Each structure stands twice: as structure tokens, then as C-alpha cells.
N, C-alpha and C. Protein backbone atom coordinates (compact mmCIF):
# COMPACT_ATOMS: atom_id res chain seq x y z
N UNK A 1 0.85 -1.17 0.00
CA UNK A 1 0.00 0.00 0.00
C UNK A 1 0.89 1.22 0.00
N UNK A 2 0.69 2.10 -0.95
CA UNK A 2 1.46 3.33 -1.06
C UNK A 2 0.54 4.51 -0.84
N UNK A 3 0.97 5.47 -0.05
CA UNK A 3 0.24 6.71 0.10
C UNK A 3 1.10 7.83 -0.44
N UNK A 4 0.54 8.66 -1.32
CA UNK A 4 1.25 9.78 -1.90
C UNK A 4 0.87 11.03 -1.12
N UNK A 5 1.86 11.77 -0.66
CA UNK A 5 1.61 13.00 0.06
C UNK A 5 2.45 14.11 -0.54
N UNK A 6 1.89 15.29 -0.56
CA UNK A 6 2.65 16.45 -1.02
C UNK A 6 2.98 16.43 -2.49
N UNK A 7 2.19 15.76 -3.31
CA UNK A 7 2.50 15.61 -4.73
C UNK A 7 2.62 16.95 -5.45
N UNK A 8 1.72 17.89 -5.14
CA UNK A 8 1.72 19.17 -5.84
C UNK A 8 2.59 20.22 -5.15
N UNK A 9 3.07 19.94 -3.95
CA UNK A 9 3.90 20.90 -3.23
C UNK A 9 5.34 20.90 -3.71
N UNK A 10 5.83 19.75 -4.09
CA UNK A 10 7.22 19.60 -4.49
C UNK A 10 7.27 18.83 -5.80
N UNK A 11 8.41 18.84 -6.42
CA UNK A 11 8.52 18.14 -7.69
C UNK A 11 8.49 16.62 -7.51
N UNK A 12 8.91 16.14 -6.34
CA UNK A 12 8.92 14.70 -6.08
C UNK A 12 7.87 14.36 -5.02
N UNK A 13 6.96 13.41 -5.29
CA UNK A 13 5.99 13.02 -4.27
C UNK A 13 6.68 12.26 -3.14
N UNK A 14 6.14 12.42 -1.95
CA UNK A 14 6.61 11.64 -0.81
C UNK A 14 5.79 10.36 -0.78
N UNK A 15 6.45 9.24 -0.84
CA UNK A 15 5.76 7.95 -0.86
C UNK A 15 6.05 7.23 0.44
N UNK A 16 4.97 6.84 1.13
CA UNK A 16 5.10 6.04 2.33
C UNK A 16 4.54 4.67 2.02
N UNK A 17 5.33 3.65 2.24
CA UNK A 17 4.93 2.28 1.96
C UNK A 17 4.56 1.60 3.26
N UNK A 18 3.26 1.36 3.47
CA UNK A 18 2.80 0.63 4.65
C UNK A 18 2.59 -0.83 4.28
N UNK A 19 3.06 -1.70 5.14
CA UNK A 19 2.89 -3.14 4.94
C UNK A 19 2.87 -3.82 6.31
N UNK A 20 2.58 -5.10 6.32
CA UNK A 20 2.49 -5.84 7.58
C UNK A 20 3.75 -5.69 8.43
N UNK A 21 4.89 -5.64 7.78
CA UNK A 21 6.16 -5.63 8.50
C UNK A 21 6.45 -4.31 9.22
N UNK A 22 5.84 -3.21 8.80
CA UNK A 22 6.18 -1.92 9.42
C UNK A 22 4.96 -1.15 9.93
N UNK A 23 3.79 -1.80 9.96
CA UNK A 23 2.57 -1.13 10.43
C UNK A 23 1.58 -2.18 10.92
N UNK A 24 0.49 -1.74 11.53
CA UNK A 24 -0.55 -2.68 11.94
C UNK A 24 -1.44 -3.18 10.79
N UNK A 25 -1.11 -2.85 9.55
CA UNK A 25 -1.86 -3.35 8.42
C UNK A 25 -1.93 -4.88 8.53
N UNK A 26 -3.14 -5.44 8.43
CA UNK A 26 -3.32 -6.87 8.71
C UNK A 26 -2.88 -7.79 7.58
N UNK A 27 -2.75 -7.26 6.37
CA UNK A 27 -2.36 -8.09 5.23
C UNK A 27 -1.82 -7.17 4.15
N UNK A 28 -0.87 -7.63 3.37
CA UNK A 28 -0.26 -6.78 2.35
C UNK A 28 -1.12 -6.60 1.10
N UNK A 29 -2.12 -7.45 0.90
CA UNK A 29 -3.03 -7.26 -0.23
C UNK A 29 -4.19 -6.38 0.21
N UNK A 30 -4.24 -5.17 -0.33
CA UNK A 30 -5.33 -4.24 -0.05
C UNK A 30 -6.28 -4.28 -1.24
N UNK A 31 -7.52 -4.67 -1.00
CA UNK A 31 -8.53 -4.82 -2.06
C UNK A 31 -9.30 -3.54 -2.33
N UNK A 32 -9.44 -2.68 -1.31
CA UNK A 32 -10.24 -1.46 -1.48
C UNK A 32 -9.80 -0.42 -0.46
N UNK A 33 -10.06 0.84 -0.81
CA UNK A 33 -9.69 1.97 0.04
C UNK A 33 -10.85 2.96 0.02
N UNK A 34 -11.13 3.56 1.17
CA UNK A 34 -12.13 4.63 1.27
C UNK A 34 -11.58 5.69 2.21
N UNK A 35 -11.95 6.94 1.95
CA UNK A 35 -11.49 8.04 2.80
C UNK A 35 -12.70 8.68 3.45
N UNK A 36 -12.62 8.81 4.78
CA UNK A 36 -13.69 9.37 5.59
C UNK A 36 -13.08 10.48 6.45
N UNK A 37 -13.30 11.73 6.06
CA UNK A 37 -12.65 12.87 6.70
C UNK A 37 -11.14 12.67 6.63
N UNK A 38 -10.47 12.59 7.77
CA UNK A 38 -9.02 12.38 7.78
C UNK A 38 -8.63 10.91 7.89
N UNK A 39 -9.60 10.03 8.00
CA UNK A 39 -9.33 8.61 8.19
C UNK A 39 -9.33 7.88 6.86
N UNK A 40 -8.31 7.08 6.65
CA UNK A 40 -8.24 6.21 5.48
C UNK A 40 -8.61 4.80 5.93
N UNK A 41 -9.51 4.15 5.20
CA UNK A 41 -9.94 2.79 5.48
C UNK A 41 -9.36 1.86 4.42
N UNK A 42 -8.86 0.71 4.84
CA UNK A 42 -8.24 -0.25 3.95
C UNK A 42 -8.88 -1.62 4.16
N UNK A 43 -9.45 -2.18 3.11
CA UNK A 43 -10.01 -3.52 3.15
C UNK A 43 -8.97 -4.50 2.64
N UNK A 44 -8.62 -5.47 3.45
CA UNK A 44 -7.60 -6.45 3.07
C UNK A 44 -8.19 -7.85 3.05
N UNK A 45 -7.39 -8.81 2.65
CA UNK A 45 -7.80 -10.21 2.67
C UNK A 45 -7.88 -10.75 4.10
N UNK A 46 -7.38 -9.96 5.07
CA UNK A 46 -7.36 -10.41 6.46
C UNK A 46 -7.82 -9.31 7.41
N UNK A 47 -8.87 -8.60 7.04
CA UNK A 47 -9.46 -7.63 7.96
C UNK A 47 -9.55 -6.22 7.41
N UNK A 48 -10.10 -5.36 8.25
CA UNK A 48 -10.32 -3.95 7.93
C UNK A 48 -9.39 -3.12 8.80
N UNK A 49 -8.74 -2.13 8.20
CA UNK A 49 -7.82 -1.27 8.95
C UNK A 49 -8.19 0.18 8.70
N UNK A 50 -7.99 1.00 9.71
CA UNK A 50 -8.17 2.44 9.54
C UNK A 50 -6.91 3.14 10.04
N UNK A 51 -6.63 4.29 9.42
CA UNK A 51 -5.44 5.07 9.76
C UNK A 51 -5.79 6.54 9.64
N UNK A 52 -5.63 7.28 10.74
CA UNK A 52 -5.98 8.70 10.74
C UNK A 52 -4.77 9.61 10.54
N UNK A 53 -3.66 9.04 10.15
CA UNK A 53 -2.43 9.80 9.96
C UNK A 53 -1.43 9.57 11.08
N UNK A 54 -1.95 9.15 12.23
CA UNK A 54 -1.09 8.84 13.37
C UNK A 54 -1.41 7.51 14.02
N UNK A 55 -2.69 7.18 14.08
CA UNK A 55 -3.12 5.97 14.79
C UNK A 55 -3.79 4.98 13.85
N UNK A 56 -3.45 3.72 14.04
CA UNK A 56 -4.05 2.62 13.31
C UNK A 56 -5.08 1.94 14.19
N UNK A 57 -6.13 1.42 13.56
CA UNK A 57 -7.09 0.55 14.23
C UNK A 57 -7.39 -0.60 13.28
N UNK A 58 -7.42 -1.81 13.80
CA UNK A 58 -7.71 -2.97 12.96
C UNK A 58 -8.96 -3.67 13.47
N UNK A 59 -9.71 -4.22 12.52
CA UNK A 59 -10.94 -4.94 12.83
C UNK A 59 -10.89 -6.28 12.11
N UNK A 60 -10.98 -7.35 12.87
CA UNK A 60 -11.01 -8.70 12.31
C UNK A 60 -12.10 -9.50 13.04
N UNK A 61 -12.25 -10.74 12.65
CA UNK A 61 -13.25 -11.60 13.29
C UNK A 61 -12.88 -11.89 14.74
N UNK A 62 -11.66 -11.65 15.14
CA UNK A 62 -11.26 -11.91 16.53
C UNK A 62 -11.52 -10.73 17.46
N UNK A 63 -11.68 -9.51 16.92
CA UNK A 63 -11.86 -8.35 17.81
C UNK A 63 -13.04 -7.45 17.42
N UNK A 64 -13.89 -7.91 16.50
CA UNK A 64 -15.02 -7.10 16.05
C UNK A 64 -16.16 -8.04 15.63
N UNK A 65 -17.31 -7.48 15.28
CA UNK A 65 -18.42 -8.31 14.80
C UNK A 65 -18.22 -8.93 13.41
N UNK A 66 -17.12 -8.61 12.73
CA UNK A 66 -16.87 -9.23 11.43
C UNK A 66 -16.84 -10.75 11.55
N UNK A 67 -17.57 -11.42 10.68
CA UNK A 67 -17.55 -12.88 10.62
C UNK A 67 -16.49 -13.33 9.63
N UNK A 68 -16.33 -12.54 8.57
CA UNK A 68 -15.39 -12.84 7.49
C UNK A 68 -14.37 -11.72 7.43
N UNK A 69 -13.10 -12.05 7.43
CA UNK A 69 -12.03 -11.05 7.39
C UNK A 69 -11.67 -10.60 5.98
N UNK A 70 -12.21 -11.24 4.97
CA UNK A 70 -11.87 -10.94 3.58
C UNK A 70 -12.75 -9.79 3.08
N UNK A 71 -12.22 -8.57 3.13
CA UNK A 71 -12.96 -7.36 2.77
C UNK A 71 -12.77 -7.08 1.29
N UNK A 72 -13.87 -6.88 0.56
CA UNK A 72 -13.82 -6.68 -0.88
C UNK A 72 -14.29 -5.31 -1.35
N UNK A 73 -15.07 -4.58 -0.52
CA UNK A 73 -15.60 -3.28 -0.95
C UNK A 73 -15.81 -2.38 0.27
N UNK A 74 -15.59 -1.09 0.07
CA UNK A 74 -15.81 -0.09 1.11
C UNK A 74 -16.49 1.12 0.50
N UNK A 75 -17.38 1.73 1.24
CA UNK A 75 -18.01 2.97 0.80
C UNK A 75 -18.34 3.81 2.03
N UNK A 76 -17.90 5.06 2.02
CA UNK A 76 -18.20 5.99 3.09
C UNK A 76 -19.52 6.67 2.79
N UNK A 77 -20.42 6.69 3.77
CA UNK A 77 -21.70 7.37 3.57
C UNK A 77 -21.66 8.80 4.12
N UNK A 78 -21.04 9.01 5.24
CA UNK A 78 -20.91 10.34 5.84
C UNK A 78 -19.75 10.29 6.84
N UNK A 79 -19.68 11.24 7.74
CA UNK A 79 -18.57 11.25 8.68
C UNK A 79 -18.63 10.15 9.73
N UNK A 80 -19.76 9.43 9.81
CA UNK A 80 -19.87 8.42 10.85
C UNK A 80 -20.20 7.03 10.35
N UNK A 81 -20.46 6.85 9.06
CA UNK A 81 -20.90 5.54 8.56
C UNK A 81 -20.00 5.05 7.44
N UNK A 82 -19.60 3.79 7.55
CA UNK A 82 -18.88 3.13 6.46
C UNK A 82 -19.56 1.80 6.19
N UNK A 83 -19.76 1.51 4.91
CA UNK A 83 -20.33 0.24 4.46
C UNK A 83 -19.19 -0.66 4.04
N UNK A 84 -19.27 -1.95 4.42
CA UNK A 84 -18.18 -2.89 4.22
C UNK A 84 -18.72 -4.14 3.53
N UNK A 85 -18.19 -4.45 2.35
CA UNK A 85 -18.58 -5.65 1.63
C UNK A 85 -17.55 -6.74 1.85
N UNK A 86 -18.02 -7.95 2.11
CA UNK A 86 -17.10 -9.06 2.40
C UNK A 86 -17.23 -10.18 1.36
N UNK A 87 -16.30 -11.08 1.44
CA UNK A 87 -16.25 -12.22 0.53
C UNK A 87 -17.35 -13.24 0.84
N UNK A 88 -17.63 -13.49 2.14
CA UNK A 88 -18.56 -14.57 2.49
C UNK A 88 -19.65 -14.19 3.49
N UNK A 89 -19.57 -13.03 4.11
CA UNK A 89 -20.59 -12.72 5.13
C UNK A 89 -21.42 -11.49 4.80
N UNK A 90 -21.48 -11.11 3.53
CA UNK A 90 -22.39 -10.06 3.11
C UNK A 90 -21.89 -8.66 3.36
N UNK A 91 -22.79 -7.82 3.81
CA UNK A 91 -22.57 -6.39 3.95
C UNK A 91 -22.65 -5.98 5.41
N UNK A 92 -21.75 -5.09 5.82
CA UNK A 92 -21.78 -4.53 7.15
C UNK A 92 -21.97 -3.02 7.05
N UNK A 93 -22.73 -2.50 8.00
CA UNK A 93 -22.85 -1.06 8.19
C UNK A 93 -22.20 -0.77 9.54
N UNK A 94 -21.11 0.00 9.50
CA UNK A 94 -20.43 0.37 10.74
C UNK A 94 -20.66 1.85 10.96
N UNK A 95 -21.34 2.16 12.07
CA UNK A 95 -21.62 3.55 12.41
C UNK A 95 -21.13 3.75 13.84
N UNK A 96 -20.02 4.51 13.96
CA UNK A 96 -19.32 4.65 15.24
C UNK A 96 -18.94 3.25 15.72
N UNK A 97 -19.42 2.84 16.88
CA UNK A 97 -19.08 1.50 17.39
C UNK A 97 -20.17 0.47 17.14
N UNK A 98 -21.25 0.86 16.47
CA UNK A 98 -22.35 -0.08 16.17
C UNK A 98 -22.14 -0.73 14.81
N UNK A 99 -22.29 -2.05 14.76
CA UNK A 99 -22.16 -2.82 13.54
C UNK A 99 -23.48 -3.51 13.24
N UNK A 100 -23.91 -3.48 11.98
CA UNK A 100 -25.08 -4.25 11.53
C UNK A 100 -24.63 -5.10 10.34
N UNK A 101 -24.96 -6.38 10.37
CA UNK A 101 -24.62 -7.29 9.28
C UNK A 101 -25.87 -7.62 8.48
N UNK A 102 -25.79 -7.47 7.16
CA UNK A 102 -26.85 -7.87 6.25
C UNK A 102 -26.30 -9.03 5.42
N UNK A 103 -27.00 -10.17 5.43
CA UNK A 103 -26.55 -11.31 4.64
C UNK A 103 -27.75 -12.03 4.05
N UNK A 104 -27.48 -13.10 3.33
CA UNK A 104 -28.56 -13.84 2.66
C UNK A 104 -29.62 -14.35 3.62
N UNK A 105 -29.23 -14.71 4.82
CA UNK A 105 -30.19 -15.33 5.74
C UNK A 105 -30.97 -14.32 6.59
N UNK A 106 -30.51 -13.07 6.70
CA UNK A 106 -31.24 -12.13 7.57
C UNK A 106 -31.75 -10.89 6.85
N UNK A 107 -31.60 -10.85 5.52
CA UNK A 107 -32.04 -9.67 4.76
C UNK A 107 -32.42 -10.09 3.35
N UNK A 108 -32.68 -9.12 2.51
CA UNK A 108 -32.99 -9.41 1.12
C UNK A 108 -31.78 -9.45 0.22
N UNK A 109 -30.59 -9.34 0.78
CA UNK A 109 -29.35 -9.45 0.00
C UNK A 109 -29.31 -10.85 -0.62
N UNK A 110 -29.09 -10.93 -1.93
CA UNK A 110 -29.16 -12.25 -2.56
C UNK A 110 -27.82 -12.92 -2.79
N UNK A 111 -26.74 -12.36 -2.24
CA UNK A 111 -25.45 -13.03 -2.30
C UNK A 111 -24.55 -12.46 -1.22
N UNK A 112 -23.79 -13.30 -0.55
CA UNK A 112 -22.91 -12.86 0.53
C UNK A 112 -21.57 -12.31 0.03
N UNK A 113 -21.28 -12.47 -1.27
CA UNK A 113 -20.06 -11.88 -1.84
C UNK A 113 -20.40 -10.50 -2.38
N UNK A 114 -20.02 -9.48 -1.65
CA UNK A 114 -20.27 -8.09 -2.05
C UNK A 114 -18.96 -7.51 -2.56
N UNK A 115 -18.92 -7.24 -3.87
CA UNK A 115 -17.70 -6.77 -4.53
C UNK A 115 -17.64 -5.26 -4.72
N UNK A 116 -18.79 -4.62 -4.75
CA UNK A 116 -18.83 -3.19 -4.98
C UNK A 116 -20.00 -2.56 -4.25
N UNK A 117 -19.81 -1.33 -3.79
CA UNK A 117 -20.85 -0.60 -3.06
C UNK A 117 -20.92 0.81 -3.63
N UNK A 118 -22.13 1.28 -3.87
CA UNK A 118 -22.34 2.66 -4.33
C UNK A 118 -23.54 3.22 -3.58
N UNK A 119 -23.50 4.51 -3.29
CA UNK A 119 -24.63 5.19 -2.66
C UNK A 119 -25.08 6.27 -3.65
N UNK A 120 -26.36 6.20 -4.04
CA UNK A 120 -26.83 7.17 -5.03
C UNK A 120 -27.29 8.47 -4.37
N UNK A 121 -27.75 9.42 -5.17
CA UNK A 121 -28.10 10.74 -4.67
C UNK A 121 -29.34 10.73 -3.77
N UNK A 122 -30.09 9.63 -3.78
CA UNK A 122 -31.26 9.52 -2.90
C UNK A 122 -30.96 8.71 -1.64
N UNK A 123 -29.69 8.28 -1.48
CA UNK A 123 -29.29 7.53 -0.29
C UNK A 123 -29.46 6.04 -0.39
N UNK A 124 -29.84 5.53 -1.55
CA UNK A 124 -29.99 4.08 -1.72
C UNK A 124 -28.60 3.43 -1.84
N UNK A 125 -28.47 2.25 -1.25
CA UNK A 125 -27.21 1.50 -1.27
C UNK A 125 -27.30 0.47 -2.39
N UNK A 126 -26.40 0.55 -3.35
CA UNK A 126 -26.35 -0.38 -4.50
C UNK A 126 -25.15 -1.29 -4.32
N UNK A 127 -25.35 -2.58 -4.56
CA UNK A 127 -24.32 -3.58 -4.32
C UNK A 127 -24.05 -4.43 -5.56
N UNK A 128 -22.80 -4.57 -5.90
CA UNK A 128 -22.37 -5.48 -6.96
C UNK A 128 -22.03 -6.81 -6.31
N UNK A 129 -22.69 -7.87 -6.74
CA UNK A 129 -22.45 -9.20 -6.17
C UNK A 129 -22.21 -10.22 -7.29
N UNK A 130 -21.86 -11.42 -6.91
CA UNK A 130 -21.66 -12.46 -7.92
C UNK A 130 -22.98 -13.07 -8.37
N UNK A 131 -24.10 -12.62 -7.79
CA UNK A 131 -25.43 -13.08 -8.19
C UNK A 131 -26.28 -11.95 -8.75
N UNK A 132 -25.66 -10.85 -9.15
CA UNK A 132 -26.38 -9.73 -9.73
C UNK A 132 -26.22 -8.46 -8.90
N UNK A 133 -27.23 -7.58 -8.99
CA UNK A 133 -27.20 -6.29 -8.30
C UNK A 133 -28.28 -6.30 -7.22
N UNK A 134 -27.91 -5.84 -6.04
CA UNK A 134 -28.88 -5.66 -4.95
C UNK A 134 -28.95 -4.18 -4.62
N UNK A 135 -30.13 -3.74 -4.18
CA UNK A 135 -30.30 -2.35 -3.74
C UNK A 135 -31.07 -2.35 -2.44
N UNK A 136 -30.59 -1.55 -1.49
CA UNK A 136 -31.23 -1.42 -0.19
C UNK A 136 -31.60 0.04 0.00
N UNK A 137 -32.90 0.31 0.24
CA UNK A 137 -33.35 1.68 0.40
C UNK A 137 -33.47 2.11 1.86
N UNK A 138 -32.95 1.29 2.75
CA UNK A 138 -33.04 1.55 4.18
C UNK A 138 -34.14 0.74 4.85
N UNK A 139 -35.06 0.22 4.03
CA UNK A 139 -36.15 -0.61 4.53
C UNK A 139 -36.30 -1.88 3.70
N UNK A 140 -36.34 -1.71 2.38
CA UNK A 140 -36.61 -2.82 1.47
C UNK A 140 -35.38 -3.15 0.63
N UNK A 141 -35.35 -4.42 0.19
CA UNK A 141 -34.29 -4.90 -0.69
C UNK A 141 -34.88 -5.18 -2.07
N UNK A 142 -34.11 -4.88 -3.11
CA UNK A 142 -34.49 -5.18 -4.49
C UNK A 142 -33.29 -5.83 -5.17
N UNK A 143 -33.56 -6.79 -6.05
CA UNK A 143 -32.49 -7.53 -6.71
C UNK A 143 -32.72 -7.61 -8.21
N UNK A 144 -31.62 -7.49 -8.96
CA UNK A 144 -31.65 -7.64 -10.41
C UNK A 144 -30.62 -8.69 -10.79
N UNK A 145 -31.01 -9.58 -11.72
CA UNK A 145 -30.08 -10.60 -12.21
C UNK A 145 -30.46 -11.00 -13.63
N UNK A 146 -29.82 -12.03 -14.13
CA UNK A 146 -30.05 -12.49 -15.51
C UNK A 146 -31.51 -12.88 -15.72
N UNK A 147 -32.10 -13.56 -14.75
CA UNK A 147 -33.47 -14.06 -14.95
C UNK A 147 -34.56 -13.01 -14.80
N UNK A 148 -34.40 -12.08 -13.89
CA UNK A 148 -35.52 -11.18 -13.66
C UNK A 148 -35.38 -9.80 -14.31
N UNK A 149 -34.22 -9.49 -14.89
CA UNK A 149 -34.08 -8.15 -15.43
C UNK A 149 -33.21 -8.08 -16.68
N UNK A 150 -32.82 -9.20 -17.20
CA UNK A 150 -32.08 -9.21 -18.45
C UNK A 150 -30.63 -8.77 -18.37
N UNK A 151 -30.03 -8.81 -17.18
CA UNK A 151 -28.60 -8.54 -17.12
C UNK A 151 -27.87 -9.58 -17.97
N UNK A 152 -26.77 -9.20 -18.55
CA UNK A 152 -26.01 -10.12 -19.40
C UNK A 152 -25.29 -11.18 -18.56
N UNK A 153 -24.99 -10.85 -17.31
CA UNK A 153 -24.33 -11.78 -16.39
C UNK A 153 -24.73 -11.43 -14.97
N UNK A 154 -24.67 -12.40 -14.10
CA UNK A 154 -24.88 -12.13 -12.67
C UNK A 154 -23.59 -11.71 -11.99
N UNK A 155 -22.48 -11.92 -12.63
CA UNK A 155 -21.16 -11.68 -12.05
C UNK A 155 -20.79 -10.20 -12.15
N UNK A 156 -21.30 -9.40 -11.22
CA UNK A 156 -21.09 -7.96 -11.21
C UNK A 156 -19.93 -7.65 -10.26
N UNK A 157 -18.94 -6.92 -10.74
CA UNK A 157 -17.76 -6.64 -9.91
C UNK A 157 -17.71 -5.22 -9.35
N UNK A 158 -18.41 -4.29 -9.97
CA UNK A 158 -18.44 -2.93 -9.44
C UNK A 158 -19.71 -2.23 -9.92
N UNK A 159 -20.06 -1.16 -9.26
CA UNK A 159 -21.23 -0.37 -9.63
C UNK A 159 -20.94 1.09 -9.29
N UNK A 160 -21.40 1.99 -10.13
CA UNK A 160 -21.18 3.41 -9.90
C UNK A 160 -22.40 4.19 -10.40
N UNK A 161 -22.64 5.33 -9.78
CA UNK A 161 -23.76 6.20 -10.16
C UNK A 161 -23.26 7.31 -11.05
N UNK A 162 -23.99 7.57 -12.14
CA UNK A 162 -23.64 8.65 -13.05
C UNK A 162 -24.17 10.00 -12.57
N UNK A 163 -23.92 11.02 -13.37
CA UNK A 163 -24.30 12.39 -13.02
C UNK A 163 -25.80 12.60 -12.89
N UNK A 164 -26.60 11.78 -13.58
CA UNK A 164 -28.05 11.90 -13.49
C UNK A 164 -28.65 10.75 -12.70
N UNK A 165 -27.88 10.20 -11.78
CA UNK A 165 -28.28 9.13 -10.88
C UNK A 165 -28.49 7.79 -11.60
N UNK A 166 -28.02 7.66 -12.84
CA UNK A 166 -28.09 6.37 -13.52
C UNK A 166 -26.99 5.45 -12.95
N UNK A 167 -27.21 4.16 -13.08
CA UNK A 167 -26.26 3.18 -12.52
C UNK A 167 -25.52 2.49 -13.64
N UNK A 168 -24.23 2.32 -13.44
CA UNK A 168 -23.38 1.61 -14.40
C UNK A 168 -22.69 0.46 -13.69
């Protein structure tokens, strides 16, 4: 993981290389990054890490409500909420110290592998999964896949909202 600082201040960027050997980063493979105010969030194959510039915090199945340490997607909603997509245990909403898990057995999420997360202009949470697209409006779940909506594949790896709130 490389962080670039001061790129426009000087002709040479300052590069800091964080890895397991020199930081509390839980794994050297970082799958996703999100920035929330001054905090950087890193999703790894072995947990979730945050770094505010001075202090690290790590979250794994041994010290947090995470069931699966393999983090695949992150999305910041505001200064207090981060959404976390995992390989096998679905979606987590972390707000301050409260964690909520959404998975196939307790919600309308139709796949526990969440690869991408997007929040549209109306606050709906859109999820890219290996079984299609899921959307959570805060109350209800909606799903799109090959059979019910004509997607070309169920294997969705990312999702993003366009300027007019369209989804890609």
C-alpha cells in the first residue's frame, strides 16, 4: 500500500509504503480503500484497517463483529458511517461503534459476496455481487439478475452512479 503525500507541493511526491512488517496493516493485499474525513480505510484479505495519519485501528473476526475477514468493498456514507462488503458474510454497516450485518439469511441481499458498493443521490445503497445487483433503500431490498431483469451476467464486480443518478 502506497500513500502519496505532497505531490503538488514539491517536484517529487513523498511515498510512504505501509505493509504488515512496518505497520498494523493486517495483510499486504489491499482490495479497497475509502477516505472518511481524515481517516483512510483499507479492506484487506485479512481484515479492515483504519489510519488517521497517526493511529491505526484494525478490525477482524477476533476483535469485532466481522464474521469474514476478507474485505472486498468499502463505501463511506458520511462522517460516521462506512459500508463494508465481504467475501462470504455479506454487507456490514459500521456507524461509530455499532455494527449491523446484512446477509442472505437475515435480509434481502441475494449473495454474501459483495464486490462493490455505491450510494446514489437519494441515499440508496447499491451492491455489486456475484449473483447480480442488490439495492437497499433503508427498509426494502431489491435484486436484479439475468433471470428477472435481463442482465447479461450475474457476475457484477463494481457499480457506480452517473451524473443523473443512472447506474453503471
